[in-house]
């Protein structure tokens, strides 16, 4: 569902949870996919993630080099639901 994933370790997160501030060590996972695959990818992450409310967001692409775009398209082709 994604062409590439980056795992960024060593993050400290502070957030409100159940009426208090919680602090945990986390990793950030950045996954590169196409818009039509986002809902399928979101469903998979939710089913695998240990959190009740995992952070799953999509960021708008304001620019991409054509070679990377072609690679991303190639690696996610034939993946339509």
PDB file of N, CA and C in Angstrom:
ATOM      1  N   UNK A   1       0.803  -1.199   0.000  1.00  0.00           N
ATOM      2  CA  UNK A   1       0.000   0.000   0.000  1.00  0.00           C
ATOM      3  C   UNK A   1       0.847   1.264   0.000  1.00  0.00           C
ATOM      4  N   UNK A   2       2.106   1.131   0.380  1.00  0.00           N
ATOM      5  CA  UNK A   2       2.985   2.302   0.328  1.00  0.00           C
ATOM      6  C   UNK A   2       4.259   1.913  -0.412  1.00  0.00           C
ATOM      7  N   UNK A   3       4.860   2.881  -1.044  1.00  0.00           N
ATOM      8  CA  UNK A   3       6.085   2.641  -1.799  1.00  0.00           C
ATOM      9  C   UNK A   3       7.314   2.694  -0.904  1.00  0.00           C
ATOM     10  N   UNK A   4       7.215   3.452   0.192  1.00  0.00           N
ATOM     11  CA  UNK A   4       8.363   3.658   1.073  1.00  0.00           C
ATOM     12  C   UNK A   4       7.863   4.067   2.454  1.00  0.00           C
ATOM     13  N   UNK A   5       8.572   3.630   3.478  1.00  0.00           N
ATOM     14  CA  UNK A   5       8.246   4.053   4.842  1.00  0.00           C
ATOM     15  C   UNK A   5       9.543   4.445   5.549  1.00  0.00           C
ATOM     16  N   UNK A   6       9.502   5.562   6.261  1.00  0.00           N
ATOM     17  CA  UNK A   6      10.632   6.015   7.069  1.00  0.00           C
ATOM     18  C   UNK A   6      10.250   5.867   8.535  1.00  0.00           C
ATOM     19  N   UNK A   7      11.155   5.298   9.333  1.00  0.00           N
ATOM     20  CA  UNK A   7      10.927   5.163  10.767  1.00  0.00           C
ATOM     21  C   UNK A   7      11.898   6.107  11.470  1.00  0.00           C
ATOM     22  N   UNK A   8      11.340   7.076  12.169  1.00  0.00           N
ATOM     23  CA  UNK A   8      12.149   8.062  12.882  1.00  0.00           C
ATOM     24  C   UNK A   8      12.034   7.756  14.368  1.00  0.00           C
ATOM     25  N   UNK A   9      13.108   7.265  14.948  1.00  0.00           N
ATOM     26  CA  UNK A   9      13.112   6.833  16.347  1.00  0.00           C
ATOM     27  C   UNK A   9      13.516   7.969  17.278  1.00  0.00           C
ATOM     28  N   UNK A  10      13.249   7.766  18.565  1.00  0.00           N
ATOM     29  CA  UNK A  10      13.747   8.673  19.585  1.00  0.00           C
ATOM     30  C   UNK A  10      12.903   9.902  19.845  1.00  0.00           C
ATOM     31  N   UNK A  11      11.636   9.880  19.496  1.00  0.00           N
ATOM     32  CA  UNK A  11      10.773  11.035  19.737  1.00  0.00           C
ATOM     33  C   UNK A  11      10.148  10.963  21.124  1.00  0.00           C
ATOM     34  N   UNK A  12      10.033  12.096  21.766  1.00  0.00           N
ATOM     35  CA  UNK A  12       9.289  12.219  23.016  1.00  0.00           C
ATOM     36  C   UNK A  12       8.004  12.962  22.696  1.00  0.00           C
ATOM     37  N   UNK A  13       6.875  12.390  23.057  1.00  0.00           N
ATOM     38  CA  UNK A  13       5.590  13.026  22.767  1.00  0.00           C
ATOM     39  C   UNK A  13       4.881  13.394  24.062  1.00  0.00           C
ATOM     40  N   UNK A  14       4.323  14.587  24.080  1.00  0.00           N
ATOM     41  CA  UNK A  14       3.467  15.059  25.170  1.00  0.00           C
ATOM     42  C   UNK A  14       2.087  15.289  24.586  1.00  0.00           C
ATOM     43  N   UNK A  15       1.050  14.745  25.250  1.00  0.00           N
ATOM     44  CA  UNK A  15      -0.303  14.902  24.727  1.00  0.00           C
ATOM     45  C   UNK A  15      -1.321  14.702  25.842  1.00  0.00           C
ATOM     46  N   UNK A  16      -2.499  15.290  25.625  1.00  0.00           N
ATOM     47  CA  UNK A  16      -3.597  15.102  26.555  1.00  0.00           C
ATOM     48  C   UNK A  16      -4.207  13.735  26.312  1.00  0.00           C
ATOM     49  N   UNK A  17      -4.377  12.959  27.392  1.00  0.00           N
ATOM     50  CA  UNK A  17      -5.031  11.675  27.287  1.00  0.00           C
ATOM     51  C   UNK A  17      -5.793  11.394  28.576  1.00  0.00           C
ATOM     52  N   UNK A  18      -7.072  11.206  28.463  1.00  0.00           N
ATOM     53  CA  UNK A  18      -7.952  10.896  29.589  1.00  0.00           C
ATOM     54  C   UNK A  18      -7.808  11.915  30.726  1.00  0.00           C
ATOM     55  N   UNK A  19      -7.808  13.210  30.337  1.00  0.00           N
ATOM     56  CA  UNK A  19      -7.829  14.290  31.302  1.00  0.00           C
ATOM     57  C   UNK A  19      -6.505  14.691  31.904  1.00  0.00           C
ATOM     58  N   UNK A  20      -5.402  14.103  31.434  1.00  0.00           N
ATOM     59  CA  UNK A  20      -4.095  14.500  31.957  1.00  0.00           C
ATOM     60  C   UNK A  20      -3.069  14.485  30.832  1.00  0.00           C
ATOM     61  N   UNK A  21      -1.945  15.127  31.099  1.00  0.00           N
ATOM     62  CA  UNK A  21      -0.866  15.138  30.116  1.00  0.00           C
ATOM     63  C   UNK A  21      -0.056  13.861  30.260  1.00  0.00           C
ATOM     64  N   UNK A  22       0.128  13.186  29.148  1.00  0.00           N
ATOM     65  CA  UNK A  22       0.900  11.951  29.107  1.00  0.00           C
ATOM     66  C   UNK A  22       2.202  12.220  28.353  1.00  0.00           C
ATOM     67  N   UNK A  23       3.248  11.512  28.701  1.00  0.00           N
ATOM     68  CA  UNK A  23       4.540  11.639  28.027  1.00  0.00           C
ATOM     69  C   UNK A  23       5.035  10.233  27.710  1.00  0.00           C
ATOM     70  N   UNK A  24       5.340  10.005  26.437  1.00  0.00           N
ATOM     71  CA  UNK A  24       5.830   8.690  26.024  1.00  0.00           C
ATOM     72  C   UNK A  24       6.926   8.846  24.973  1.00  0.00           C
ATOM     73  N   UNK A  25       7.754   7.826  24.884  1.00  0.00           N
ATOM     74  CA  UNK A  25       8.731   7.728  23.799  1.00  0.00           C
ATOM     75  C   UNK A  25       8.038   7.032  22.630  1.00  0.00           C
ATOM     76  N   UNK A  26       8.211   7.585  21.451  1.00  0.00           N
ATOM     77  CA  UNK A  26       7.548   7.035  20.276  1.00  0.00           C
ATOM     78  C   UNK A  26       8.479   7.063  19.071  1.00  0.00           C
ATOM     79  N   UNK A  27       8.046   6.398  18.024  1.00  0.00           N
ATOM     80  CA  UNK A  27       8.657   6.499  16.702  1.00  0.00           C
ATOM     81  C   UNK A  27       7.646   7.154  15.787  1.00  0.00           C
ATOM     82  N   UNK A  28       8.131   7.884  14.812  1.00  0.00           N
ATOM     83  CA  UNK A  28       7.275   8.470  13.791  1.00  0.00           C
ATOM     84  C   UNK A  28       7.451   7.650  12.521  1.00  0.00           C
ATOM     85  N   UNK A  29       6.341   7.221  11.968  1.00  0.00           N
ATOM     86  CA  UNK A  29       6.364   6.452  10.732  1.00  0.00           C
ATOM     87  C   UNK A  29       5.789   7.321   9.621  1.00  0.00           C
ATOM     88  N   UNK A  30       6.595   7.587   8.599  1.00  0.00           N
ATOM     89  CA  UNK A  30       6.159   8.378   7.452  1.00  0.00           C
ATOM     90  C   UNK A  30       6.051   7.419   6.273  1.00  0.00           C
ATOM     91  N   UNK A  31       4.839   7.298   5.752  1.00  0.00           N
ATOM     92  CA  UNK A  31       4.594   6.348   4.663  1.00  0.00           C
ATOM     93  C   UNK A  31       4.202   7.107   3.400  1.00  0.00           C
ATOM     94  N   UNK A  32       4.823   6.736   2.291  1.00  0.00           N
ATOM     95  CA  UNK A  32       4.539   7.392   1.014  1.00  0.00           C
ATOM     96  C   UNK A  32       3.606   6.501   0.196  1.00  0.00           C
ATOM     97  N   UNK A  33       2.455   7.049  -0.136  1.00  0.00           N
ATOM     98  CA  UNK A  33       1.474   6.315  -0.917  1.00  0.00           C
ATOM     99  C   UNK A  33       0.735   7.284  -1.827  1.00  0.00           C
ATOM    100  N   UNK A  34      -0.311   6.809  -2.464  1.00  0.00           N
ATOM    101  CA  UNK A  34      -1.134   7.652  -3.329  1.00  0.00           C
ATOM    102  C   UNK A  34      -2.490   7.863  -2.685  1.00  0.00           C
ATOM    103  N   UNK A  35      -3.133   8.923  -3.080  1.00  0.00           N
ATOM    104  CA  UNK A  35      -4.391   9.326  -2.444  1.00  0.00           C
ATOM    105  C   UNK A  35      -5.424   8.204  -2.435  1.00  0.00           C
ATOM    106  N   UNK A  36      -5.534   7.473  -3.525  1.00  0.00           N
ATOM    107  CA  UNK A  36      -6.558   6.437  -3.588  1.00  0.00           C
ATOM    108  C   UNK A  36      -6.276   5.262  -2.644  1.00  0.00           C
ATOM    109  N   UNK A  37      -5.067   5.157  -2.143  1.00  0.00           N
ATOM    110  CA  UNK A  37      -4.714   4.081  -1.210  1.00  0.00           C
ATOM    111  C   UNK A  37      -4.782   4.508   0.253  1.00  0.00           C
ATOM    112  N   UNK A  38      -4.993   5.803   0.512  1.00  0.00           N
ATOM    113  CA  UNK A  38      -4.927   6.298   1.885  1.00  0.00           C
ATOM    114  C   UNK A  38      -5.912   5.597   2.817  1.00  0.00           C
ATOM    115  N   UNK A  39      -7.160   5.461   2.436  1.00  0.00           N
ATOM    116  CA  UNK A  39      -8.141   4.838   3.332  1.00  0.00           C
ATOM    117  C   UNK A  39      -7.807   3.384   3.641  1.00  0.00           C
ATOM    118  N   UNK A  40      -7.321   2.665   2.662  1.00  0.00           N
ATOM    119  CA  UNK A  40      -6.911   1.270   2.877  1.00  0.00           C
ATOM    120  C   UNK A  40      -5.712   1.210   3.831  1.00  0.00           C
ATOM    121  N   UNK A  41      -4.753   2.096   3.630  1.00  0.00           N
ATOM    122  CA  UNK A  41      -3.578   2.156   4.496  1.00  0.00           C
ATOM    123  C   UNK A  41      -3.973   2.555   5.916  1.00  0.00           C
ATOM    124  N   UNK A  42      -4.870   3.525   6.039  1.00  0.00           N
ATOM    125  CA  UNK A  42      -5.353   3.968   7.347  1.00  0.00           C
ATOM    126  C   UNK A  42      -6.014   2.814   8.102  1.00  0.00           C
ATOM    127  N   UNK A  43      -6.817   2.050   7.425  1.00  0.00           N
ATOM    128  CA  UNK A  43      -7.491   0.896   8.040  1.00  0.00           C
ATOM    129  C   UNK A  43      -6.462  -0.130   8.539  1.00  0.00           C
ATOM    130  N   UNK A  44      -5.441  -0.381   7.744  1.00  0.00           N
ATOM    131  CA  UNK A  44      -4.402  -1.336   8.133  1.00  0.00           C
ATOM    132  C   UNK A  44      -3.627  -0.850   9.362  1.00  0.00           C
ATOM    133  N   UNK A  45      -3.270   0.433   9.373  1.00  0.00           N
ATOM    134  CA  UNK A  45      -2.536   0.987  10.514  1.00  0.00           C
ATOM    135  C   UNK A  45      -3.382   0.887  11.782  1.00  0.00           C
ATOM    136  N   UNK A  46      -4.663   1.265  11.689  1.00  0.00           N
ATOM    137  CA  UNK A  46      -5.544   1.206  12.856  1.00  0.00           C
ATOM    138  C   UNK A  46      -5.659  -0.215  13.399  1.00  0.00           C
ATOM    139  N   UNK A  47      -5.687  -1.202  12.520  1.00  0.00           N
ATOM    140  CA  UNK A  47      -5.830  -2.590  12.971  1.00  0.00           C
ATOM    141  C   UNK A  47      -4.560  -3.120  13.638  1.00  0.00           C
ATOM    142  N   UNK A  48      -3.411  -2.540  13.296  1.00  0.00           N
ATOM    143  CA  UNK A  48      -2.131  -3.018  13.826  1.00  0.00           C
ATOM    144  C   UNK A  48      -1.585  -2.183  14.986  1.00  0.00           C
ATOM    145  N   UNK A  49      -2.024  -0.954  15.107  1.00  0.00           N
ATOM    146  CA  UNK A  49      -1.455  -0.013  16.076  1.00  0.00           C
ATOM    147  C   UNK A  49      -1.973  -0.293  17.482  1.00  0.00           C
ATOM    148  N   UNK A  50      -1.105  -0.212  18.499  1.00  0.00           N
ATOM    149  CA  UNK A  50      -1.551  -0.488  19.871  1.00  0.00           C
ATOM    150  C   UNK A  50      -2.371   0.639  20.506  1.00  0.00           C
ATOM    151  N   UNK A  51      -2.314   1.858  19.967  1.00  0.00           N
ATOM    152  CA  UNK A  51      -3.052   2.985  20.547  1.00  0.00           C
ATOM    153  C   UNK A  51      -4.535   2.902  20.194  1.00  0.00           C
ATOM    154  N   UNK A  52      -5.384   3.398  21.090  1.00  0.00           N
ATOM    155  CA  UNK A  52      -6.810   3.527  20.796  1.00  0.00           C
ATOM    156  C   UNK A  52      -7.039   4.575  19.714  1.00  0.00           C
ATOM    157  N   UNK A  53      -6.217   5.627  19.745  1.00  0.00           N
ATOM    158  CA  UNK A  53      -6.359   6.740  18.803  1.00  0.00           C
ATOM    159  C   UNK A  53      -4.984   7.052  18.190  1.00  0.00           C
ATOM    160  N   UNK A  54      -4.546   6.256  17.213  1.00  0.00           N
ATOM    161  CA  UNK A  54      -3.256   6.550  16.591  1.00  0.00           C
ATOM    162  C   UNK A  54      -3.348   7.797  15.711  1.00  0.00           C
ATOM    163  N   UNK A  55      -2.239   8.499  15.591  1.00  0.00           N
ATOM    164  CA  UNK A  55      -2.179   9.672  14.704  1.00  0.00           C
ATOM    165  C   UNK A  55      -1.955   9.183  13.281  1.00  0.00           C
ATOM    166  N   UNK A  56      -2.950   9.386  12.454  1.00  0.00           N
ATOM    167  CA  UNK A  56      -2.862   9.021  11.041  1.00  0.00           C
ATOM    168  C   UNK A  56      -3.305  10.252  10.261  1.00  0.00           C
ATOM    169  N   UNK A  57      -2.379  10.870   9.577  1.00  0.00           N
ATOM    170  CA  UNK A  57      -2.705  12.092   8.851  1.00  0.00           C
ATOM    171  C   UNK A  57      -2.145  12.011   7.433  1.00  0.00           C
ATOM    172  N   UNK A  58      -2.776  12.739   6.541  1.00  0.00           N
ATOM    173  CA  UNK A  58      -2.283  12.866   5.174  1.00  0.00           C
ATOM    174  C   UNK A  58      -1.893  14.319   4.968  1.00  0.00           C
ATOM    175  N   UNK A  59      -0.736  14.532   4.405  1.00  0.00           N
ATOM    176  CA  UNK A  59      -0.254  15.884   4.131  1.00  0.00           C
ATOM    177  C   UNK A  59      -0.367  16.160   2.639  1.00  0.00           C
ATOM    178  N   UNK A  60      -0.781  17.376   2.279  1.00  0.00           N
ATOM    179  CA  UNK A  60      -0.896  17.686   0.852  1.00  0.00           C
ATOM    180  C   UNK A  60       0.485  17.784   0.210  1.00  0.00           C
ATOM    181  N   UNK A  61       0.564  17.304  -0.983  1.00  0.00           N
ATOM    182  CA  UNK A  61       1.804  17.388  -1.743  1.00  0.00           C
ATOM    183  C   UNK A  61       1.802  18.691  -2.522  1.00  0.00           C
ATOM    184  N   UNK A  62       2.709  19.576  -2.194  1.00  0.00           N
ATOM    185  CA  UNK A  62       2.764  20.852  -2.903  1.00  0.00           C
ATOM    186  C   UNK A  62       3.834  20.849  -3.985  1.00  0.00           C
ATOM    187  N   UNK A  63       4.649  19.825  -3.984  1.00  0.00           N
ATOM    188  CA  UNK A  63       5.671  19.691  -5.004  1.00  0.00           C
ATOM    189  C   UNK A  63       6.322  18.323  -4.904  1.00  0.00           C
ATOM    190  N   UNK A  64       6.711  17.783  -6.042  1.00  0.00           N
ATOM    191  CA  UNK A  64       7.396  16.484  -6.066  1.00  0.00           C
ATOM    192  C   UNK A  64       8.222  16.423  -7.347  1.00  0.00           C
ATOM    193  N   UNK A  65       9.429  15.897  -7.250  1.00  0.00           N
ATOM    194  CA  UNK A  65      10.226  15.787  -8.469  1.00  0.00           C
ATOM    195  C   UNK A  65       9.672  14.650  -9.332  1.00  0.00           C
ATOM    196  N   UNK A  66       9.739  14.817 -10.636  1.00  0.00           N
ATOM    197  CA  UNK A  66       9.060  13.903 -11.556  1.00  0.00           C
ATOM    198  C   UNK A  66       9.589  12.478 -11.479  1.00  0.00           C
ATOM    199  N   UNK A  67      10.876  12.310 -11.199  1.00  0.00           N
ATOM    200  CA  UNK A  67      11.437  10.959 -11.106  1.00  0.00           C
ATOM    201  C   UNK A  67      10.875  10.225  -9.885  1.00  0.00           C
ATOM    202  N   UNK A  68      10.785  10.935  -8.770  1.00  0.00           N
ATOM    203  CA  UNK A  68      10.232  10.319  -7.560  1.00  0.00           C
ATOM    204  C   UNK A  68       8.746  10.016  -7.758  1.00  0.00           C
ATOM    205  N   UNK A  69       8.014  10.923  -8.377  1.00  0.00           N
ATOM    206  CA  UNK A  69       6.590  10.715  -8.636  1.00  0.00           C
ATOM    207  C   UNK A  69       6.378   9.482  -9.511  1.00  0.00           C
ATOM    208  N   UNK A  70       7.215   9.321 -10.518  1.00  0.00           N
ATOM    209  CA  UNK A  70       7.112   8.157 -11.399  1.00  0.00           C
ATOM    210  C   UNK A  70       7.404   6.872 -10.627  1.00  0.00           C
ATOM    211  N   UNK A  71       8.421   6.905  -9.781  1.00  0.00           N
ATOM    212  CA  UNK A  71       8.751   5.736  -8.960  1.00  0.00           C
ATOM    213  C   UNK A  71       7.598   5.391  -8.011  1.00  0.00           C
ATOM    214  N   UNK A  72       7.058   6.399  -7.339  1.00  0.00           N
ATOM    215  CA  UNK A  72       5.949   6.185  -6.418  1.00  0.00           C
ATOM    216  C   UNK A  72       4.750   5.577  -7.146  1.00  0.00           C
ATOM    217  N   UNK A  73       4.444   6.107  -8.317  1.00  0.00           N
ATOM    218  CA  UNK A  73       3.329   5.575  -9.099  1.00  0.00           C
ATOM    219  C   UNK A  73       3.583   4.128  -9.501  1.00  0.00           C
ATOM    220  N   UNK A  74       4.803   3.844  -9.934  1.00  0.00           N
ATOM    221  CA  UNK A  74       5.165   2.482 -10.336  1.00  0.00           C
ATOM    222  C   UNK A  74       5.028   1.505  -9.174  1.00  0.00           C
ATOM    223  N   UNK A  75       5.502   1.896  -8.012  1.00  0.00           N
ATOM    224  CA  UNK A  75       5.501   0.989  -6.860  1.00  0.00           C
ATOM    225  C   UNK A  75       4.120   0.801  -6.232  1.00  0.00           C
ATOM    226  N   UNK A  76       3.182   1.683  -6.551  1.00  0.00           N
ATOM    227  CA  UNK A  76       1.836   1.540  -6.002  1.00  0.00           C
ATOM    228  C   UNK A  76       0.816   1.184  -7.084  1.00  0.00           C
ATOM    229  N   UNK A  77       1.265   0.919  -8.286  1.00  0.00           N
ATOM    230  CA  UNK A  77       0.349   0.506  -9.345  1.00  0.00           C
ATOM    231  C   UNK A  77      -0.223  -0.873  -9.005  1.00  0.00           C
ATOM    232  N   UNK A  78      -1.251  -1.236  -9.621  1.00  0.00           N
ATOM    233  CA  UNK A  78      -1.894  -2.544  -9.387  1.00  0.00           C
ATOM    234  C   UNK A  78      -2.293  -2.747  -7.943  1.00  0.00           C
ATOM    235  N   UNK A  79      -2.411  -1.658  -7.196  1.00  0.00           N
ATOM    236  CA  UNK A  79      -2.776  -1.775  -5.796  1.00  0.00           C
ATOM    237  C   UNK A  79      -4.182  -1.218  -5.549  1.00  0.00           C
ATOM    238  N   UNK A  80      -4.885  -0.871  -6.621  1.00  0.00           N
ATOM    239  CA  UNK A  80      -6.212  -0.305  -6.437  1.00  0.00           C
ATOM    240  C   UNK A  80      -7.142  -1.352  -5.861  1.00  0.00           C
ATOM    241  N   UNK A  81      -8.025  -0.903  -4.956  1.00  0.00           N
ATOM    242  CA  UNK A  81      -8.961  -1.857  -4.347  1.00  0.00           C
ATOM    243  C   UNK A  81      -9.899  -2.477  -5.355  1.00  0.00           C
TER     244      UNK A  81
END
